[in-house]
Amino acid sequence: MIPQGLTAIKEGLPYLLEGALVNIAVVLGAMALGFALGLPLAVGHVYGNRKTRGLIGIYILFFRGIPLLVLLFLFYFGLFSLSGINASAFTVAIVVLGLISAAYQSQILRGAILSLPEGQMKAALSIGMSKKKAIFFVILPQALRLSIPGWSNEYSILLKDSAVAYALGVAELMARAHHVASRTYQHLYLYLTAGFIFLLLTYLGTKGLNVLYKKVGIPGYLR
C-alpha cells in the first residue's frame, strides 16, 4: 500500500513543477534587471565623482538594508498603488528582486573591476583610448568574466528569495505546495518535495555558471 504522503507527491508534482517554472522566471527576470542596473551603478561607483558615488551608496544602502518582505509590500501596496500603476504581483516581485539584486550585483562588479591591475587603464589611456572606451573595451570584458562566481551566489540567493513572492499571491512553488498540503493534509511530504526542488534548481544553476566560468575564465584568475 502506497503511503498517503507519496500519493500526494505523485498527484501534486506536475502542479508543483509549474510553480517552479514561475520561480525560475522571477529569478531570470530579476537577474536581468539587476544586471542592467547594477553594471552602470558599479561603473559609477568606481569611476564617478564624489556626488555620484554618494547617491549610488544611498541606493545600495536602501535596497540592502530593508527586508525583502517590507519592500514587496511597500512597492505592491504603496508605491505602485499610489502611482496608479496596475502591475501584477508577478511583475512587482521581479521589479523588487531586480532592484535589490542591482545593489548586490553592483558590488560584485565593482569588486571585479577593482581586482584588475591599475596599469591596464593607464596603458589604454597611453595608446590614445578615451576613458569611456577603456572602460567599455578593456575593463568591463574582464570584469564581467571575473564576476561569474559572484553571480552564482546571487542566483542561489534570488532563487530562495523568490519564495517570498508567495506573500503577494504569486503562484510559485511554495504557494502551490501550501495549497496541495492544505488540501491533502500531507504538509511534511509536500514541503520536503518543495525543498528538494529548490535544492535541485540551486545545484543546476550554480553548476551551469561554474561550467561557464571555467570556459570563459581569464588565465591566472581561475580558482
Protein backbone atom coordinates (compact mmCIF):
# COMPACT_ATOMS: atom_id res chain seq x y z
CA MET A 1 0.00 0.00 0.00
CA ILE A 2 1.42 3.41 -1.02
CA PRO A 3 1.58 5.91 1.86
CA GLN A 4 -0.77 8.87 1.51
CA GLY A 5 2.18 11.27 1.52
CA LEU A 6 3.76 9.65 -1.54
CA THR A 7 0.40 9.63 -3.28
CA ALA A 8 0.04 13.36 -2.60
CA ILE A 9 3.51 13.98 -4.06
CA LYS A 10 2.76 11.91 -7.16
CA GLU A 11 -0.51 13.68 -7.83
CA GLY A 12 0.74 17.16 -6.97
CA LEU A 13 4.19 17.03 -8.59
CA PRO A 14 3.16 18.41 -12.04
CA TYR A 15 1.39 21.29 -10.27
CA LEU A 16 4.48 21.96 -8.13
CA LEU A 17 6.80 21.89 -11.14
CA GLU A 18 4.65 24.51 -12.85
CA GLY A 19 5.22 26.65 -9.78
CA ALA A 20 8.96 26.04 -10.02
CA LEU A 21 8.85 27.48 -13.55
CA VAL A 22 7.34 30.63 -12.06
CA ASN A 23 10.25 30.84 -9.60
CA ILE A 24 12.73 30.43 -12.44
CA ALA A 25 11.01 33.18 -14.44
CA VAL A 26 11.14 35.52 -11.43
CA VAL A 27 14.83 34.77 -10.85
CA LEU A 28 15.83 35.24 -14.50
CA GLY A 29 13.85 38.47 -14.76
CA ALA A 30 15.33 39.79 -11.52
CA MET A 31 18.89 38.86 -12.51
CA ALA A 32 18.47 40.56 -15.90
CA LEU A 33 17.08 43.73 -14.34
CA GLY A 34 19.73 43.60 -11.63
CA PHE A 35 22.48 43.36 -14.22
CA ALA A 36 21.03 46.15 -16.38
CA LEU A 37 21.02 48.49 -13.36
CA GLY A 38 23.99 47.03 -11.49
CA LEU A 39 26.51 47.50 -14.31
CA PRO A 40 26.19 51.31 -14.57
CA LEU A 41 26.00 51.51 -10.78
CA ALA A 42 29.30 49.64 -10.49
CA VAL A 43 31.00 51.82 -13.10
CA GLY A 44 29.68 54.96 -11.42
CA HIS A 45 30.80 53.72 -8.01
CA VAL A 46 34.35 53.18 -9.25
CA TYR A 47 34.84 55.98 -11.76
CA GLY A 48 32.17 58.53 -10.83
CA ASN A 49 32.66 61.76 -8.94
CA ARG A 50 32.02 62.16 -5.23
CA LYS A 51 28.34 63.09 -5.66
CA THR A 52 27.69 60.14 -7.96
CA ARG A 53 29.36 57.73 -5.57
CA GLY A 54 27.32 59.15 -2.70
CA LEU A 55 23.98 58.70 -4.49
CA ILE A 56 24.89 55.16 -5.52
CA GLY A 57 25.89 54.42 -1.93
CA ILE A 58 22.46 55.56 -0.73
CA TYR A 59 20.75 53.31 -3.29
CA ILE A 60 22.84 50.32 -2.21
CA LEU A 61 22.24 51.00 1.48
CA PHE A 62 18.47 51.31 0.94
CA PHE A 63 17.97 48.11 -1.01
CA ARG A 64 20.43 46.07 1.04
CA GLY A 65 19.18 47.36 4.37
CA ILE A 66 15.40 46.85 4.13
CA PRO A 67 13.95 43.31 4.35
CA LEU A 68 12.59 41.84 1.15
CA LEU A 69 9.07 41.36 2.51
CA VAL A 70 8.89 45.02 3.53
CA LEU A 71 9.98 46.12 0.06
CA LEU A 72 7.46 43.83 -1.63
CA PHE A 73 4.62 45.32 0.43
CA LEU A 74 5.98 48.86 0.03
CA PHE A 75 6.00 48.61 -3.76
CA TYR A 76 2.88 46.48 -4.28
CA PHE A 77 0.52 48.11 -1.80
CA GLY A 78 2.24 51.50 -1.64
CA LEU A 79 4.26 52.96 -4.50
CA PHE A 80 2.61 51.10 -7.38
CA SER A 81 -0.87 51.61 -5.98
CA LEU A 82 -0.39 55.35 -5.31
CA SER A 83 1.15 55.83 -8.75
CA GLY A 84 -1.86 54.22 -10.39
CA ILE A 85 0.31 51.52 -11.95
CA ASN A 86 -1.70 48.34 -12.41
CA ALA A 87 1.09 45.79 -12.06
CA SER A 88 0.59 42.12 -11.27
CA ALA A 89 2.15 40.56 -8.20
CA PHE A 90 4.43 38.60 -10.51
CA THR A 91 5.73 41.82 -12.12
CA VAL A 92 6.21 43.52 -8.76
CA ALA A 93 8.18 40.53 -7.49
CA ILE A 94 10.56 40.76 -10.47
CA VAL A 95 10.95 44.52 -10.09
CA VAL A 96 11.64 44.44 -6.36
CA LEU A 97 14.01 41.48 -6.54
CA GLY A 98 15.69 43.11 -9.54
CA LEU A 99 16.23 46.39 -7.67
CA ILE A 100 17.68 44.50 -4.71
CA SER A 101 19.83 42.37 -7.00
CA ALA A 102 21.14 45.53 -8.71
CA ALA A 103 22.55 46.68 -5.36
CA TYR A 104 24.33 43.37 -4.84
CA GLN A 105 25.40 42.88 -8.44
CA SER A 106 26.88 46.38 -8.49
CA GLN A 107 29.16 45.37 -5.65
CA ILE A 108 30.07 42.09 -7.35
CA LEU A 109 31.05 44.02 -10.50
CA ARG A 110 32.75 46.76 -8.50
CA GLY A 111 34.91 44.20 -6.75
CA ALA A 112 35.80 42.61 -10.10
CA ILE A 113 36.76 45.99 -11.57
CA LEU A 114 38.92 46.89 -8.59
CA SER A 115 40.65 43.50 -8.73
CA LEU A 116 42.12 44.33 -12.13
CA PRO A 117 45.60 45.91 -12.24
CA GLU A 118 45.51 49.71 -12.39
CA GLY A 119 48.11 49.58 -15.13
CA GLN A 120 45.51 48.35 -17.62
CA MET A 121 43.61 51.63 -17.51
CA LYS A 122 46.86 53.61 -17.73
CA ALA A 123 48.02 51.53 -20.68
CA ALA A 124 44.72 52.03 -22.51
CA LEU A 125 44.86 55.78 -21.96
CA SER A 126 48.51 55.92 -23.06
CA ILE A 127 47.67 54.48 -26.50
CA GLY A 128 45.04 57.14 -27.11
CA MET A 129 41.85 55.48 -25.88
CA SER A 130 39.36 57.66 -24.07
CA LYS A 131 38.41 56.72 -20.53
CA LYS A 132 34.95 55.56 -21.65
CA LYS A 133 36.39 53.36 -24.37
CA ALA A 134 38.96 51.94 -21.97
CA ILE A 135 36.21 51.02 -19.51
CA PHE A 136 34.00 49.51 -22.22
CA PHE A 137 36.62 47.63 -24.25
CA VAL A 138 39.33 46.80 -21.70
CA ILE A 139 37.98 46.81 -18.15
CA LEU A 140 34.41 45.52 -18.42
CA PRO A 141 35.07 42.46 -20.64
CA GLN A 142 37.44 41.18 -17.95
CA ALA A 143 35.30 42.28 -15.00
CA LEU A 144 32.24 40.50 -16.39
CA ARG A 145 34.09 37.20 -16.57
CA LEU A 146 35.52 37.66 -13.09
CA SER A 147 32.00 38.31 -11.75
CA ILE A 148 30.60 34.89 -12.69
CA PRO A 149 31.38 33.24 -9.31
CA GLY A 150 29.59 36.13 -7.61
CA TRP A 151 26.60 35.72 -9.90
CA SER A 152 26.48 32.05 -8.93
CA ASN A 153 25.97 33.11 -5.33
CA GLU A 154 23.49 35.80 -6.34
CA TYR A 155 21.46 33.26 -8.31
CA SER A 156 21.08 30.95 -5.32
CA ILE A 157 20.05 33.86 -3.08
CA LEU A 158 17.48 35.13 -5.59
CA LEU A 159 16.05 31.64 -6.02
CA LYS A 160 15.44 31.34 -2.29
CA ASP A 161 14.11 34.90 -2.05
CA SER A 162 11.66 34.21 -4.90
CA ALA A 163 9.69 32.02 -2.49
CA VAL A 164 8.76 35.17 -0.54
CA ALA A 165 6.69 36.28 -3.56
CA TYR A 166 4.14 33.84 -2.11
CA ALA A 167 3.20 36.66 0.28
CA LEU A 168 1.84 38.69 -2.65
CA GLY A 169 -0.13 35.76 -4.03
CA VAL A 170 2.27 34.75 -6.78
CA ALA A 171 1.53 31.13 -7.69
CA GLU A 172 5.12 29.97 -7.30
CA LEU A 173 6.40 26.71 -5.87
CA MET A 174 5.83 27.39 -2.17
CA ALA A 175 2.35 28.77 -2.77
CA ARG A 176 1.41 25.63 -4.70
CA ALA A 177 3.00 23.33 -2.13
CA HIS A 178 0.97 25.04 0.59
CA HIS A 179 -2.19 24.73 -1.50
CA VAL A 180 -1.72 21.00 -2.09
CA ALA A 181 -0.70 20.41 1.54
CA SER A 182 -3.79 22.21 2.81
CA ARG A 183 -5.97 20.02 0.61
CA THR A 184 -4.28 16.68 1.34
CA TYR A 185 -3.01 17.38 4.90
CA GLN A 186 0.38 15.94 3.90
CA HIS A 187 2.37 19.02 4.88
CA LEU A 188 5.65 17.26 5.67
CA TYR A 189 5.84 15.39 2.38
CA LEU A 190 4.83 18.37 0.23
CA TYR A 191 7.19 20.85 1.90
CA LEU A 192 10.05 18.34 1.69
CA THR A 193 9.32 17.98 -2.01
CA ALA A 194 9.33 21.76 -2.46
CA GLY A 195 12.63 21.97 -0.60
CA PHE A 196 14.15 19.27 -2.79
CA ILE A 197 13.05 21.09 -5.96
CA PHE A 198 14.64 24.32 -4.70
CA LEU A 199 17.81 22.39 -3.87
CA LEU A 200 17.89 20.83 -7.34
CA LEU A 201 17.36 24.19 -9.06
CA THR A 202 20.12 25.74 -6.96
CA TYR A 203 22.53 22.94 -7.87
CA LEU A 204 21.75 23.09 -11.59
CA GLY A 205 22.04 26.88 -11.76
CA THR A 206 25.30 27.15 -9.82
CA LYS A 207 26.77 24.17 -11.69
CA GLY A 208 25.94 25.80 -15.01
CA LEU A 209 27.56 29.09 -14.01
CA ASN A 210 30.66 27.27 -12.76
CA VAL A 211 30.98 25.48 -16.11
CA LEU A 212 30.62 28.83 -17.88
CA TYR A 213 33.28 30.38 -15.65
CA LYS A 214 35.77 27.64 -16.50
CA LYS A 215 35.13 28.14 -20.22
CA VAL A 216 35.46 31.92 -20.29
CA GLY A 217 37.62 32.49 -17.21
CA ILE A 218 40.78 34.57 -17.51
CA PRO A 219 44.02 32.55 -17.16
CA GLY A 220 45.69 33.41 -13.87
CA TYR A 221 42.38 34.34 -12.21
CA LEU A 222 40.71 30.91 -12.24
CA ARG A 223 40.32 29.33 -8.84
